Amino acid sequence: MNKTSDVLSGSNEVLLRKRFYVYTIFSLKDKRFYTGFSTDLKRRLQEHAKGLSKSTKFRRPFLLIHYEYFINEIDAIARERFLKSGFGRDQLKQALKRTLMKEGYKL
């Protein structure tokens, strides 16, 4: 029996795999989005908050509005690219419209 089926069948065994995150933060300053990829989401969000990222340095403060977790790096990178595309960005805005409206974003 493989480890995946052991986990699914209720075994106490847990598989630890490398984690890949795709996230979107919302600037409370300019009401714009930033979507990124990281293997350490907590560290990356701290970098954004401290102004250590060139892309977001002058757009602080931020609100984490969405993130997804992947165990496959290629899947995560593909999802990041999709969310950065016009269609993907529009889809995300629709999914989060209540959150965005509460934060002053005009749909």
Protein backbone atom coordinates (compact mmCIF):
# COMPACT_ATOMS: atom_id res chain seq x y z
CA MET A 1 0.00 0.00 0.00
CA ASN A 2 1.41 3.43 -0.83
CA LYS A 3 1.65 6.24 1.68
CA THR A 4 -1.04 8.31 -0.01
CA SER A 5 -3.64 5.57 0.35
CA ASP A 6 -2.54 5.07 3.98
CA VAL A 7 -3.30 8.72 4.68
CA LEU A 8 -6.63 8.56 2.89
CA SER A 9 -7.65 5.39 4.73
CA GLY A 10 -7.30 7.05 8.12
CA SER A 11 -3.76 6.05 9.08
CA ASN A 12 -1.93 8.28 11.55
CA GLU A 13 0.85 8.64 9.00
CA VAL A 14 1.18 12.11 7.45
CA LEU A 15 3.08 12.88 4.28
CA LEU A 16 5.27 15.95 4.46
CA ARG A 17 5.96 17.45 1.07
CA LYS A 18 7.45 20.67 -0.12
CA ARG A 19 4.85 23.41 -0.19
CA PHE A 20 4.26 25.97 -2.91
CA TYR A 21 1.97 28.92 -2.37
CA VAL A 22 0.28 31.32 -4.75
CA TYR A 23 -1.05 34.37 -2.98
CA THR A 24 -2.73 37.68 -3.67
CA ILE A 25 -2.35 40.72 -1.48
CA PHE A 26 -4.42 43.88 -1.75
CA SER A 27 -2.84 47.28 -1.20
CA LEU A 28 -4.91 49.38 1.19
CA LYS A 29 -2.99 52.40 -0.10
CA ASP A 30 -3.57 52.23 -3.86
CA LYS A 31 -6.36 49.57 -3.98
CA ARG A 32 -4.37 47.38 -6.38
CA PHE A 33 -3.42 43.71 -6.31
CA TYR A 34 -0.16 41.84 -6.22
CA THR A 35 -0.11 38.11 -6.96
CA GLY A 36 2.99 36.09 -6.19
CA PHE A 37 4.52 32.68 -5.60
CA SER A 38 6.52 31.46 -2.61
CA THR A 39 7.65 28.33 -0.82
CA ASP A 40 7.42 30.18 2.52
CA LEU A 41 4.26 32.25 2.63
CA LYS A 42 4.79 33.66 6.12
CA ARG A 43 8.30 34.89 5.29
CA ARG A 44 7.18 36.36 1.97
CA LEU A 45 4.30 38.26 3.55
CA GLN A 46 6.69 39.67 6.16
CA GLU A 47 8.98 40.84 3.35
CA HIS A 48 6.07 42.68 1.73
CA ALA A 49 5.03 44.19 5.07
CA LYS A 50 8.59 45.44 5.76
CA GLY A 51 8.97 46.96 2.29
CA LEU A 52 11.65 44.49 1.19
CA SER A 53 10.02 43.77 -2.18
CA LYS A 54 10.69 46.25 -4.99
CA SER A 55 7.29 45.59 -6.54
CA THR A 56 5.32 46.47 -3.43
CA LYS A 57 7.66 48.65 -1.37
CA PHE A 58 5.66 51.87 -1.79
CA ARG A 59 2.21 50.27 -1.75
CA ARG A 60 1.98 49.27 1.92
CA PRO A 61 -0.04 48.35 3.97
CA PHE A 62 -1.45 45.13 2.54
CA LEU A 63 -4.21 42.68 3.23
CA LEU A 64 -3.77 39.01 2.32
CA ILE A 65 -7.00 38.33 0.45
CA HIS A 66 -6.31 34.94 -1.12
CA TYR A 67 -3.82 32.08 -1.14
CA GLU A 68 -3.63 28.58 -2.52
CA TYR A 69 -1.37 25.71 -1.52
CA PHE A 70 0.19 23.25 -3.95
CA ILE A 71 2.47 20.23 -3.64
CA ASN A 72 3.65 20.55 -7.24
CA GLU A 73 5.76 23.56 -8.21
CA ILE A 74 4.75 23.55 -11.88
CA ASP A 75 1.05 23.57 -10.93
CA ALA A 76 1.65 26.51 -8.59
CA ILE A 77 3.56 28.51 -11.21
CA ALA A 78 0.83 27.85 -13.78
CA ARG A 79 -1.82 29.06 -11.32
CA GLU A 80 0.17 32.20 -10.56
CA ARG A 81 0.41 32.98 -14.28
CA PHE A 82 -3.31 32.38 -14.71
CA LEU A 83 -4.22 34.68 -11.81
CA LYS A 84 -1.99 37.38 -13.31
CA SER A 85 -3.78 37.11 -16.67
CA GLY A 86 -6.76 39.33 -17.40
CA PHE A 87 -9.23 36.46 -17.21
CA GLY A 88 -7.70 35.03 -14.04
CA ARG A 89 -7.61 38.43 -12.34
CA ASP A 90 -11.26 39.05 -13.25
CA GLN A 91 -12.24 35.62 -11.96
CA LEU A 92 -10.49 36.27 -8.64
CA LYS A 93 -12.14 39.67 -8.31
CA GLN A 94 -15.55 38.10 -8.80
CA ALA A 95 -14.84 35.38 -6.24
CA LEU A 96 -13.72 38.00 -3.70
CA LYS A 97 -16.13 40.80 -4.57
CA ARG A 98 -17.63 41.11 -1.07
CA THR A 99 -14.19 41.32 0.54
CA LEU A 100 -13.00 43.86 -2.04
CA MET A 101 -16.07 46.06 -1.73
CA LYS A 102 -15.64 46.09 2.06
CA GLU A 103 -12.07 47.33 1.55
CA GLY A 104 -13.16 50.15 -0.79
CA TYR A 105 -12.39 48.52 -4.14
CA LYS A 106 -14.66 49.60 -6.99
CA LEU A 107 -15.72 46.61 -9.12
